[in-house]
Amino acid sequence: MAENKENPISINDVPTEILYQIVSLIPLKEAARTIILSSSWKHLWTPIQVFLNINSDQITSQESGQQMSRVVSSFLNTYVNSYQILNLSFLESNSVSHEETLFMKAIKGVDKELYISFHGECTNDFSLSIELPLCENANLFSLKTLHLRSITGMARSFLPELFSGCRNLETLSLEKCNGLQYVDLKAHDMLHNFVILDCENMRSVNILSAPNLKSFLYRGTLAKIELKEVPKLCDVTLNLKGTTTLSDCNEFDCEDIVSLLASLKDVEVLTLSGWLLEVSSSFNILPIFLCFCYAMMPKKNIVYRKNYQNSQV
């Protein structure tokens, strides 16, 4: 009697809904690698293409910012339980050929996360004022994690609209925003984590108010950092890798260092790279720095790293 052989099931036969559920259980970096498995998995990462008829001279207008905010809001409501990609581009309506310009690429995570990478050259330095309001915006208020990468000046009309809807935001991250020089933050009581990574031209970070901020991580060149009204701040990491005292100090003076040390006196975990000891020595305030460390040692956890190159942040 001939044996009955079951037909093998190919991964391409798995329903798309099941694939979405599988991907939703994997962290984003690992999930993105599924694109190479087969055409079925690749299909999961097909971006939603959205084109807005906006002239280049209108991109920074408030109306354009509101338009972009509505697009992102609609995007967040698609495939609620899986990752999804959005490509937002402009169509130059005054151009005969309707030239396309990619403005940003966004990835929606499975746990109320949004990752946005902006495109285009950053020709001018700019500042960023972040205000996370107490009022609720029905469009975006469910977001808990917002990661912004390569912000340009063209985004300055869109970001206030985006921030205005982030009522429940718990983690905010800025990464590789090379034109960004000044950051001011006023946050509601939901924000717990604030991260700034590798913004090469950063000069000043001013956290004016963040009642429940618990963690602050800064990695980049030497900048003036002021922490005000952060009573719950307990974990601070300052990693100014690649900073040299003589060439990068700019307007950062002795009073700035003393003020920074004073603002950190109540944190429970403080991680420093070698720059602070070097700068303290250059400004002849090394005794102040050592006294600060001695005063904190009995009740705090201070980690001093000479070289962050081989350390994880």
C-alpha atoms as a PDB file:
ATOM      1  CA  MET A   1       0.000   0.000   0.000  1.00  0.00           C
ATOM      2  CA  ALA A   2       1.352   3.403  -0.947  1.00  0.00           C
ATOM      3  CA  GLU A   3       2.214   5.673   1.946  1.00  0.00           C
ATOM      4  CA  ASN A   4       0.183   8.849   2.359  1.00  0.00           C
ATOM      5  CA  LYS A   5       2.529  11.772   2.337  1.00  0.00           C
ATOM      6  CA  GLU A   6       1.354  15.099   3.646  1.00  0.00           C
ATOM      7  CA  ASN A   7       2.041  18.057   1.430  1.00  0.00           C
ATOM      8  CA  PRO A   8       4.729  20.205   3.072  1.00  0.00           C
ATOM      9  CA  ILE A   9       3.588  23.666   4.114  1.00  0.00           C
ATOM     10  CA  SER A  10       5.744  26.463   2.812  1.00  0.00           C
ATOM     11  CA  ILE A  11       6.363  29.614   4.799  1.00  0.00           C
ATOM     12  CA  ASN A  12       4.840  31.439   1.849  1.00  0.00           C
ATOM     13  CA  ASP A  13       1.532  29.690   2.653  1.00  0.00           C
ATOM     14  CA  VAL A  14       1.274  31.211   6.128  1.00  0.00           C
ATOM     15  CA  PRO A  15      -1.517  33.824   6.224  1.00  0.00           C
ATOM     16  CA  THR A  16      -0.383  37.433   6.362  1.00  0.00           C
ATOM     17  CA  GLU A  17      -2.310  37.986   9.592  1.00  0.00           C
ATOM     18  CA  ILE A  18      -0.276  35.246  11.297  1.00  0.00           C
ATOM     19  CA  LEU A  19       2.993  36.711  10.001  1.00  0.00           C
ATOM     20  CA  TYR A  20       2.036  40.092  11.423  1.00  0.00           C
ATOM     21  CA  GLN A  21       1.396  38.476  14.814  1.00  0.00           C
ATOM     22  CA  ILE A  22       4.763  36.712  14.739  1.00  0.00           C
ATOM     23  CA  VAL A  23       6.640  39.896  13.844  1.00  0.00           C
ATOM     24  CA  SER A  24       4.813  41.825  16.552  1.00  0.00           C
ATOM     25  CA  LEU A  25       6.446  39.604  19.201  1.00  0.00           C
ATOM     26  CA  ILE A  26      10.004  40.447  18.097  1.00  0.00           C
ATOM     27  CA  PRO A  27      11.976  43.599  18.977  1.00  0.00           C
ATOM     28  CA  LEU A  28      12.196  46.038  16.069  1.00  0.00           C
ATOM     29  CA  LYS A  29      15.850  45.439  15.112  1.00  0.00           C
ATOM     30  CA  GLU A  30      15.358  41.679  14.934  1.00  0.00           C
ATOM     31  CA  ALA A  31      11.953  42.000  13.303  1.00  0.00           C
ATOM     32  CA  ALA A  32      13.378  44.075  10.464  1.00  0.00           C
ATOM     33  CA  ARG A  33      15.695  41.198   9.534  1.00  0.00           C
ATOM     34  CA  THR A  34      12.720  39.047   8.557  1.00  0.00           C
ATOM     35  CA  ILE A  35      12.612  40.976   5.301  1.00  0.00           C
ATOM     36  CA  ILE A  36      15.235  38.594   3.881  1.00  0.00           C
ATOM     37  CA  LEU A  37      13.343  35.376   4.701  1.00  0.00           C
ATOM     38  CA  SER A  38      10.942  35.307   1.754  1.00  0.00           C
ATOM     39  CA  SER A  39       8.697  37.458  -0.395  1.00  0.00           C
ATOM     40  CA  SER A  40       5.870  36.964   2.114  1.00  0.00           C
ATOM     41  CA  TRP A  41       7.926  38.436   4.946  1.00  0.00           C
ATOM     42  CA  LYS A  42       9.213  41.198   2.691  1.00  0.00           C
ATOM     43  CA  HIS A  43       5.622  42.156   1.948  1.00  0.00           C
ATOM     44  CA  LEU A  44       5.116  42.938   5.640  1.00  0.00           C
ATOM     45  CA  TRP A  45       7.621  45.771   5.346  1.00  0.00           C
ATOM     46  CA  THR A  46       6.162  47.379   2.239  1.00  0.00           C
ATOM     47  CA  PRO A  47       5.853  51.044   3.211  1.00  0.00           C
ATOM     48  CA  ILE A  48       2.715  53.089   2.980  1.00  0.00           C
ATOM     49  CA  GLN A  49       3.477  55.844   0.467  1.00  0.00           C
ATOM     50  CA  VAL A  50       1.882  59.225   1.148  1.00  0.00           C
ATOM     51  CA  PHE A  51       2.387  62.289  -1.047  1.00  0.00           C
ATOM     52  CA  LEU A  52       1.397  65.821  -0.051  1.00  0.00           C
ATOM     53  CA  ASN A  53       1.028  68.615  -2.596  1.00  0.00           C
ATOM     54  CA  ILE A  54       3.123  71.197  -0.806  1.00  0.00           C
ATOM     55  CA  ASN A  55       5.527  73.680  -2.344  1.00  0.00           C
ATOM     56  CA  SER A  56       9.007  73.902  -0.835  1.00  0.00           C
ATOM     57  CA  ASP A  57       8.338  77.428   0.420  1.00  0.00           C
ATOM     58  CA  GLN A  58       5.267  76.220   2.353  1.00  0.00           C
ATOM     59  CA  ILE A  59       6.807  73.222   4.107  1.00  0.00           C
ATOM     60  CA  THR A  60       7.470  75.142   7.306  1.00  0.00           C
ATOM     61  CA  SER A  61       3.991  76.699   7.508  1.00  0.00           C
ATOM     62  CA  GLN A  62       1.618  75.818  10.352  1.00  0.00           C
ATOM     63  CA  GLU A  63      -0.929  74.445   7.890  1.00  0.00           C
ATOM     64  CA  SER A  64       1.653  72.032   6.455  1.00  0.00           C
ATOM     65  CA  GLY A  65       2.579  70.922   9.968  1.00  0.00           C
ATOM     66  CA  GLN A  66      -1.057  70.161  10.720  1.00  0.00           C
ATOM     67  CA  GLN A  67      -1.367  68.188   7.478  1.00  0.00           C
ATOM     68  CA  MET A  68       1.646  66.063   8.336  1.00  0.00           C
ATOM     69  CA  SER A  69       0.365  65.500  11.866  1.00  0.00           C
ATOM     70  CA  ARG A  70      -2.942  64.183  10.489  1.00  0.00           C
ATOM     71  CA  VAL A  71      -1.080  61.785   8.196  1.00  0.00           C
ATOM     72  CA  VAL A  72       0.948  60.409  11.118  1.00  0.00           C
ATOM     73  CA  SER A  73      -2.212  60.088  13.202  1.00  0.00           C
ATOM     74  CA  SER A  74      -3.897  57.995  10.494  1.00  0.00           C
ATOM     75  CA  PHE A  75      -0.751  55.926  10.120  1.00  0.00           C
ATOM     76  CA  LEU A  76      -0.710  55.067  13.818  1.00  0.00           C
ATOM     77  CA  ASN A  77      -4.189  53.587  13.478  1.00  0.00           C
ATOM     78  CA  THR A  78      -3.157  51.047  10.815  1.00  0.00           C
ATOM     79  CA  TYR A  79      -2.204  47.495  11.767  1.00  0.00           C
ATOM     80  CA  VAL A  80      -2.415  48.241  15.449  1.00  0.00           C
ATOM     81  CA  ASN A  81      -0.718  44.989  16.497  1.00  0.00           C
ATOM     82  CA  SER A  82       2.276  45.019  14.159  1.00  0.00           C
ATOM     83  CA  TYR A  83       5.077  47.123  12.729  1.00  0.00           C
ATOM     84  CA  GLN A  84       4.362  49.322   9.740  1.00  0.00           C
ATOM     85  CA  ILE A  85       6.427  51.766   7.677  1.00  0.00           C
ATOM     86  CA  LEU A  86       5.373  55.158   6.353  1.00  0.00           C
ATOM     87  CA  ASN A  87       7.153  57.169   3.660  1.00  0.00           C
ATOM     88  CA  LEU A  88       5.939  60.768   3.617  1.00  0.00           C
ATOM     89  CA  SER A  89       6.966  62.794   0.571  1.00  0.00           C
ATOM     90  CA  PHE A  90       6.184  66.162  -0.965  1.00  0.00           C
ATOM     91  CA  LEU A  91       5.010  66.739  -4.520  1.00  0.00           C
ATOM     92  CA  GLU A  92       6.197  70.106  -5.807  1.00  0.00           C
ATOM     93  CA  SER A  93       2.916  71.369  -7.277  1.00  0.00           C
ATOM     94  CA  ASN A  94       4.634  74.246  -9.093  1.00  0.00           C
ATOM     95  CA  SER A  95       6.897  71.791 -10.887  1.00  0.00           C
ATOM     96  CA  VAL A  96       5.828  70.507 -14.317  1.00  0.00           C
ATOM     97  CA  SER A  97       7.164  67.034 -13.531  1.00  0.00           C
ATOM     98  CA  HIS A  98       5.731  67.030  -9.954  1.00  0.00           C
ATOM     99  CA  GLU A  99       9.091  66.240  -8.421  1.00  0.00           C
ATOM    100  CA  GLU A 100       8.971  64.001  -5.340  1.00  0.00           C
ATOM    101  CA  THR A 101      10.941  64.865  -2.202  1.00  0.00           C
ATOM    102  CA  LEU A 102      11.087  62.358   0.662  1.00  0.00           C
ATOM    103  CA  PHE A 103      10.497  64.227   3.913  1.00  0.00           C
ATOM    104  CA  MET A 104      10.531  61.458   6.485  1.00  0.00           C
ATOM    105  CA  LYS A 105      10.352  57.705   7.056  1.00  0.00           C
ATOM    106  CA  ALA A 106       8.440  56.464  10.098  1.00  0.00           C
ATOM    107  CA  ILE A 107       8.125  53.038  11.707  1.00  0.00           C
ATOM    108  CA  LYS A 108       5.251  52.304  14.034  1.00  0.00           C
ATOM    109  CA  GLY A 109       6.148  49.865  16.788  1.00  0.00           C
ATOM    110  CA  VAL A 110       3.888  47.360  18.488  1.00  0.00           C
ATOM    111  CA  ASP A 111       3.990  48.899  21.955  1.00  0.00           C
ATOM    112  CA  LYS A 112       2.852  52.442  21.200  1.00  0.00           C
ATOM    113  CA  GLU A 113       6.242  53.344  19.724  1.00  0.00           C
ATOM    114  CA  LEU A 114       7.030  55.672  16.837  1.00  0.00           C
ATOM    115  CA  TYR A 115      10.431  55.999  15.173  1.00  0.00           C
ATOM    116  CA  ILE A 116      10.886  58.877  12.709  1.00  0.00           C
ATOM    117  CA  SER A 117      13.933  59.516  10.526  1.00  0.00           C
ATOM    118  CA  PHE A 118      13.935  62.817   8.627  1.00  0.00           C
ATOM    119  CA  HIS A 119      15.474  63.160   5.189  1.00  0.00           C
ATOM    120  CA  GLY A 120      17.119  66.086   3.454  1.00  0.00           C
ATOM    121  CA  GLU A 121      20.223  68.132   4.086  1.00  0.00           C
ATOM    122  CA  CYS A 122      20.481  70.258   7.184  1.00  0.00           C
ATOM    123  CA  THR A 123      21.878  73.503   5.776  1.00  0.00           C
ATOM    124  CA  ASN A 124      21.279  75.747   8.803  1.00  0.00           C
ATOM    125  CA  ASP A 125      21.720  75.344  12.539  1.00  0.00           C
ATOM    126  CA  PHE A 126      18.505  75.509  14.546  1.00  0.00           C
ATOM    127  CA  SER A 127      17.045  75.240  18.027  1.00  0.00           C
ATOM    128  CA  LEU A 128      14.250  73.008  19.284  1.00  0.00           C
ATOM    129  CA  SER A 129      11.705  73.898  21.928  1.00  0.00           C
ATOM    130  CA  ILE A 130       9.866  70.825  23.180  1.00  0.00           C
ATOM    131  CA  GLU A 131       6.627  71.346  25.075  1.00  0.00           C
ATOM    132  CA  LEU A 132       4.642  68.283  26.067  1.00  0.00           C
ATOM    133  CA  PRO A 133       1.254  69.634  27.133  1.00  0.00           C
ATOM    134  CA  LEU A 134      -1.178  68.368  29.716  1.00  0.00           C
ATOM    135  CA  CYS A 135      -4.120  68.535  27.324  1.00  0.00           C
ATOM    136  CA  GLU A 136      -5.092  65.429  25.389  1.00  0.00           C
ATOM    137  CA  ASN A 137      -5.043  65.231  21.601  1.00  0.00           C
ATOM    138  CA  ALA A 138      -7.199  62.382  20.289  1.00  0.00           C
ATOM    139  CA  ASN A 139      -4.860  61.867  17.347  1.00  0.00           C
ATOM    140  CA  LEU A 140      -1.595  60.909  19.015  1.00  0.00           C
ATOM    141  CA  PHE A 141      -2.051  60.729  22.777  1.00  0.00           C
ATOM    142  CA  SER A 142      -1.576  56.943  22.938  1.00  0.00           C
ATOM    143  CA  LEU A 143       2.144  57.179  22.039  1.00  0.00           C
ATOM    144  CA  LYS A 144       4.525  56.104  24.809  1.00  0.00           C
ATOM    145  CA  THR A 145       7.887  56.120  22.980  1.00  0.00           C
ATOM    146  CA  LEU A 146       8.998  58.671  20.376  1.00  0.00           C
ATOM    147  CA  HIS A 147      12.395  58.399  18.698  1.00  0.00           C
ATOM    148  CA  LEU A 148      13.453  61.242  16.356  1.00  0.00           C
ATOM    149  CA  ARG A 149      16.506  60.945  14.130  1.00  0.00           C
ATOM    150  CA  SER A 150      18.237  63.476  11.840  1.00  0.00           C
ATOM    151  CA  ILE A 151      15.841  66.346  12.510  1.00  0.00           C
ATOM    152  CA  THR A 152      16.246  69.224  10.052  1.00  0.00           C
ATOM    153  CA  GLY A 153      15.001  72.802  10.092  1.00  0.00           C
ATOM    154  CA  MET A 154      12.282  71.795   7.622  1.00  0.00           C
ATOM    155  CA  ALA A 155      10.570  69.878  10.425  1.00  0.00           C
ATOM    156  CA  ARG A 156      10.092  72.894  12.669  1.00  0.00           C
ATOM    157  CA  SER A 157       6.388  73.296  11.763  1.00  0.00           C
ATOM    158  CA  PHE A 158       5.629  69.593  12.087  1.00  0.00           C
ATOM    159  CA  LEU A 159       7.293  68.859  15.432  1.00  0.00           C
ATOM    160  CA  PRO A 160       5.180  71.244  17.581  1.00  0.00           C
ATOM    161  CA  GLU A 161       2.063  69.605  16.143  1.00  0.00           C
ATOM    162  CA  LEU A 162       3.527  66.194  16.914  1.00  0.00           C
ATOM    163  CA  PHE A 163       4.557  67.113  20.464  1.00  0.00           C
ATOM    164  CA  SER A 164       1.151  68.666  21.170  1.00  0.00           C
ATOM    165  CA  GLY A 165      -0.468  65.253  20.820  1.00  0.00           C
ATOM    166  CA  CYS A 166       1.965  63.280  22.987  1.00  0.00           C
ATOM    167  CA  ARG A 167       0.025  63.421  26.223  1.00  0.00           C
ATOM    168  CA  ASN A 168       1.117  59.978  27.449  1.00  0.00           C
ATOM    169  CA  LEU A 169       4.689  60.053  26.176  1.00  0.00           C
ATOM    170  CA  GLU A 170       7.095  58.282  28.546  1.00  0.00           C
ATOM    171  CA  THR A 171      10.327  58.184  26.508  1.00  0.00           C
ATOM    172  CA  LEU A 172      11.680  60.818  24.114  1.00  0.00           C
ATOM    173  CA  SER A 173      14.894  60.304  22.145  1.00  0.00           C
ATOM    174  CA  LEU A 174      16.803  62.627  19.780  1.00  0.00           C
ATOM    175  CA  GLU A 175      19.592  61.097  17.704  1.00  0.00           C
ATOM    176  CA  LYS A 176      22.097  62.388  15.134  1.00  0.00           C
ATOM    177  CA  CYS A 177      20.437  65.769  14.674  1.00  0.00           C
ATOM    178  CA  ASN A 178      23.576  67.453  13.393  1.00  0.00           C
ATOM    179  CA  GLY A 179      22.134  70.944  12.893  1.00  0.00           C
ATOM    180  CA  LEU A 180      20.542  71.031  16.319  1.00  0.00           C
ATOM    181  CA  GLN A 181      22.307  73.432  18.706  1.00  0.00           C
ATOM    182  CA  TYR A 182      19.854  74.314  21.476  1.00  0.00           C
ATOM    183  CA  VAL A 183      17.202  72.168  23.162  1.00  0.00           C
ATOM    184  CA  ASP A 184      14.657  73.401  25.705  1.00  0.00           C
ATOM    185  CA  LEU A 185      12.302  70.896  27.317  1.00  0.00           C
ATOM    186  CA  LYS A 186       9.093  71.471  29.258  1.00  0.00           C
ATOM    187  CA  ALA A 187       7.404  68.162  29.932  1.00  0.00           C
ATOM    188  CA  HIS A 188       4.205  66.898  31.497  1.00  0.00           C
ATOM    189  CA  ASP A 189       4.247  64.465  34.407  1.00  0.00           C
ATOM    190  CA  MET A 190       4.214  61.357  32.171  1.00  0.00           C
ATOM    191  CA  LEU A 191       7.720  61.741  30.714  1.00  0.00           C
ATOM    192  CA  HIS A 192      10.184  59.406  32.447  1.00  0.00           C
ATOM    193  CA  ASN A 193      13.148  59.134  30.044  1.00  0.00           C
ATOM    194  CA  PHE A 194      14.946  61.725  27.912  1.00  0.00           C
ATOM    195  CA  VAL A 195      17.804  60.738  25.606  1.00  0.00           C
ATOM    196  CA  ILE A 196      20.091  62.804  23.349  1.00  0.00           C
ATOM    197  CA  LEU A 197      22.613  60.885  21.222  1.00  0.00           C
ATOM    198  CA  ASP A 198      25.360  62.077  18.873  1.00  0.00           C
ATOM    199  CA  CYS A 199      24.070  65.559  17.997  1.00  0.00           C
ATOM    200  CA  GLU A 200      27.433  66.931  16.862  1.00  0.00           C
ATOM    201  CA  ASN A 201      26.714  70.677  17.076  1.00  0.00           C
ATOM    202  CA  MET A 202      24.846  70.704  20.362  1.00  0.00           C
ATOM    203  CA  ARG A 203      25.687  73.702  22.547  1.00  0.00           C
ATOM    204  CA  SER A 204      22.978  73.796  25.184  1.00  0.00           C
ATOM    205  CA  VAL A 205      20.453  71.424  26.767  1.00  0.00           C
ATOM    206  CA  ASN A 206      18.008  73.068  29.135  1.00  0.00           C
ATOM    207  CA  ILE A 207      15.464  70.886  30.930  1.00  0.00           C
ATOM    208  CA  LEU A 208      13.200  73.569  32.366  1.00  0.00           C
ATOM    209  CA  SER A 209      10.542  71.339  33.882  1.00  0.00           C
ATOM    210  CA  ALA A 210       9.950  67.583  33.965  1.00  0.00           C
ATOM    211  CA  PRO A 211       8.230  66.655  37.246  1.00  0.00           C
ATOM    212  CA  ASN A 212       8.553  62.868  36.874  1.00  0.00           C
ATOM    213  CA  LEU A 213      11.668  62.565  34.726  1.00  0.00           C
ATOM    214  CA  LYS A 214      13.684  59.643  36.106  1.00  0.00           C
ATOM    215  CA  SER A 215      16.430  59.078  33.545  1.00  0.00           C
ATOM    216  CA  PHE A 216      18.544  61.424  31.396  1.00  0.00           C
ATOM    217  CA  LEU A 217      21.202  60.199  28.987  1.00  0.00           C
ATOM    218  CA  TYR A 218      23.425  62.532  26.978  1.00  0.00           C
ATOM    219  CA  ARG A 219      26.061  61.314  24.534  1.00  0.00           C
ATOM    220  CA  GLY A 220      27.889  63.798  22.340  1.00  0.00           C
ATOM    221  CA  THR A 221      30.230  66.772  22.415  1.00  0.00           C
ATOM    222  CA  LEU A 222      30.664  69.046  25.411  1.00  0.00           C
ATOM    223  CA  ALA A 223      27.552  71.180  25.884  1.00  0.00           C
ATOM    224  CA  LYS A 224      26.072  73.392  28.560  1.00  0.00           C
ATOM    225  CA  ILE A 225      23.533  71.273  30.436  1.00  0.00           C
ATOM    226  CA  GLU A 226      21.039  72.755  32.871  1.00  0.00           C
ATOM    227  CA  LEU A 227      18.606  70.623  34.862  1.00  0.00           C
ATOM    228  CA  LYS A 228      15.791  72.478  36.591  1.00  0.00           C
ATOM    229  CA  GLU A 229      12.643  71.239  38.323  1.00  0.00           C
ATOM    230  CA  VAL A 230      13.470  67.539  37.959  1.00  0.00           C
ATOM    231  CA  PRO A 231      12.725  66.311  41.514  1.00  0.00           C
ATOM    232  CA  LYS A 232      12.397  62.627  40.524  1.00  0.00           C
ATOM    233  CA  LEU A 233      15.588  62.433  38.448  1.00  0.00           C
ATOM    234  CA  CYS A 234      17.584  59.457  39.749  1.00  0.00           C
ATOM    235  CA  ASP A 235      19.699  58.109  36.847  1.00  0.00           C
ATOM    236  CA  VAL A 236      21.989  60.343  34.773  1.00  0.00           C
ATOM    237  CA  THR A 237      24.564  59.344  32.167  1.00  0.00           C
ATOM    238  CA  LEU A 238      26.899  61.961  30.680  1.00  0.00           C
ATOM    239  CA  ASN A 239      29.119  60.569  27.961  1.00  0.00           C
ATOM    240  CA  LEU A 240      30.991  63.243  26.078  1.00  0.00           C
ATOM    241  CA  LYS A 241      33.131  60.935  24.011  1.00  0.00           C
ATOM    242  CA  GLY A 242      35.670  62.502  21.696  1.00  0.00           C
ATOM    243  CA  THR A 243      35.606  65.784  23.589  1.00  0.00           C
ATOM    244  CA  THR A 244      38.914  67.587  24.080  1.00  0.00           C
ATOM    245  CA  THR A 245      39.081  70.297  26.671  1.00  0.00           C
ATOM    246  CA  LEU A 246      41.020  72.893  24.736  1.00  0.00           C
ATOM    247  CA  SER A 247      39.170  72.662  21.440  1.00  0.00           C
ATOM    248  CA  ASP A 248      35.596  71.943  22.515  1.00  0.00           C
ATOM    249  CA  CYS A 249      34.957  73.960  25.645  1.00  0.00           C
ATOM    250  CA  ASN A 250      33.692  77.058  23.792  1.00  0.00           C
ATOM    251  CA  GLU A 251      31.632  79.065  26.287  1.00  0.00           C
ATOM    252  CA  PHE A 252      31.493  76.292  28.883  1.00  0.00           C
ATOM    253  CA  ASP A 253      33.157  77.811  31.942  1.00  0.00           C
ATOM    254  CA  CYS A 254      33.824  77.053  35.581  1.00  0.00           C
ATOM    255  CA  GLU A 255      30.411  78.261  36.785  1.00  0.00           C
ATOM    256  CA  ASP A 256      28.671  75.973  34.291  1.00  0.00           C
ATOM    257  CA  ILE A 257      30.496  72.949  35.681  1.00  0.00           C
ATOM    258  CA  VAL A 258      29.730  73.860  39.293  1.00  0.00           C
ATOM    259  CA  SER A 259      26.079  74.463  38.400  1.00  0.00           C
ATOM    260  CA  LEU A 260      25.890  71.109  36.611  1.00  0.00           C
ATOM    261  CA  LEU A 261      27.430  69.301  39.595  1.00  0.00           C
ATOM    262  CA  ALA A 262      24.962  70.975  41.934  1.00  0.00           C
ATOM    263  CA  SER A 263      21.998  69.862  39.810  1.00  0.00           C
ATOM    264  CA  LEU A 264      23.200  66.257  40.017  1.00  0.00           C
ATOM    265  CA  LYS A 265      23.623  66.086  43.785  1.00  0.00           C
ATOM    266  CA  ASP A 266      20.370  64.176  44.379  1.00  0.00           C
ATOM    267  CA  VAL A 267      20.612  61.550  41.643  1.00  0.00           C
ATOM    268  CA  GLU A 268      21.014  57.928  42.747  1.00  0.00           C
ATOM    269  CA  VAL A 269      23.043  56.628  39.788  1.00  0.00           C
ATOM    270  CA  LEU A 270      25.512  58.898  38.013  1.00  0.00           C
ATOM    271  CA  THR A 271      27.652  57.642  35.129  1.00  0.00           C
ATOM    272  CA  LEU A 272      30.409  59.937  33.844  1.00  0.00           C
ATOM    273  CA  SER A 273      32.992  59.686  31.107  1.00  0.00           C
ATOM    274  CA  GLY A 274      36.526  61.059  31.387  1.00  0.00           C
ATOM    275  CA  TRP A 275      35.692  64.521  30.096  1.00  0.00           C
ATOM    276  CA  LEU A 276      34.437  65.902  33.420  1.00  0.00           C
ATOM    277  CA  LEU A 277      37.596  65.093  35.319  1.00  0.00           C
ATOM    278  CA  GLU A 278      39.672  66.529  32.468  1.00  0.00           C
ATOM    279  CA  VAL A 279      37.650  69.735  32.294  1.00  0.00           C
ATOM    280  CA  SER A 280      37.586  70.091  36.074  1.00  0.00           C
ATOM    281  CA  SER A 281      41.368  69.857  36.141  1.00  0.00           C
ATOM    282  CA  SER A 282      41.741  72.436  33.358  1.00  0.00           C
ATOM    283  CA  PHE A 283      39.538  74.920  35.182  1.00  0.00           C
ATOM    284  CA  ASN A 284      41.291  74.292  38.527  1.00  0.00           C
ATOM    285  CA  ILE A 285      38.110  73.076  40.179  1.00  0.00           C
ATOM    286  CA  LEU A 286      39.285  69.506  40.612  1.00  0.00           C
ATOM    287  CA  PRO A 287      38.971  69.809  44.425  1.00  0.00           C
ATOM    288  CA  ILE A 288      35.301  70.729  43.989  1.00  0.00           C
ATOM    289  CA  PHE A 289      34.749  67.728  41.765  1.00  0.00           C
ATOM    290  CA  LEU A 290      36.484  65.372  44.211  1.00  0.00           C
ATOM    291  CA  CYS A 291      34.533  66.754  47.162  1.00  0.00           C
ATOM    292  CA  PHE A 292      31.344  66.322  45.172  1.00  0.00           C
ATOM    293  CA  CYS A 293      32.159  62.666  44.513  1.00  0.00           C
ATOM    294  CA  TYR A 294      33.167  62.080  48.149  1.00  0.00           C
ATOM    295  CA  ALA A 295      29.940  63.632  49.415  1.00  0.00           C
ATOM    296  CA  MET A 296      27.856  61.435  47.125  1.00  0.00           C
ATOM    297  CA  MET A 297      29.742  58.165  47.568  1.00  0.00           C
ATOM    298  CA  PRO A 298      28.128  56.961  50.814  1.00  0.00           C
ATOM    299  CA  LYS A 299      24.618  57.064  49.384  1.00  0.00           C
ATOM    300  CA  LYS A 300      25.033  57.167  45.585  1.00  0.00           C
ATOM    301  CA  ASN A 301      26.281  54.931  42.828  1.00  0.00           C
ATOM    302  CA  ILE A 302      28.876  56.788  40.765  1.00  0.00           C
ATOM    303  CA  VAL A 303      30.391  55.157  37.720  1.00  0.00           C
ATOM    304  CA  TYR A 304      33.415  56.846  36.202  1.00  0.00           C
ATOM    305  CA  ARG A 305      34.582  55.704  32.772  1.00  0.00           C
ATOM    306  CA  LYS A 306      37.839  56.874  31.257  1.00  0.00           C
ATOM    307  CA  ASN A 307      36.923  55.501  27.849  1.00  0.00           C
ATOM    308  CA  TYR A 308      33.372  54.901  26.662  1.00  0.00           C
ATOM    309  CA  GLN A 309      34.478  53.333  23.391  1.00  0.00           C
ATOM    310  CA  ASN A 310      34.117  49.796  24.765  1.00  0.00           C
ATOM    311  CA  SER A 311      31.143  50.487  27.010  1.00  0.00           C
ATOM    312  CA  GLN A 312      27.463  50.110  26.355  1.00  0.00           C
ATOM    313  CA  VAL A 313      25.202  53.068  26.931  1.00  0.00           C
END
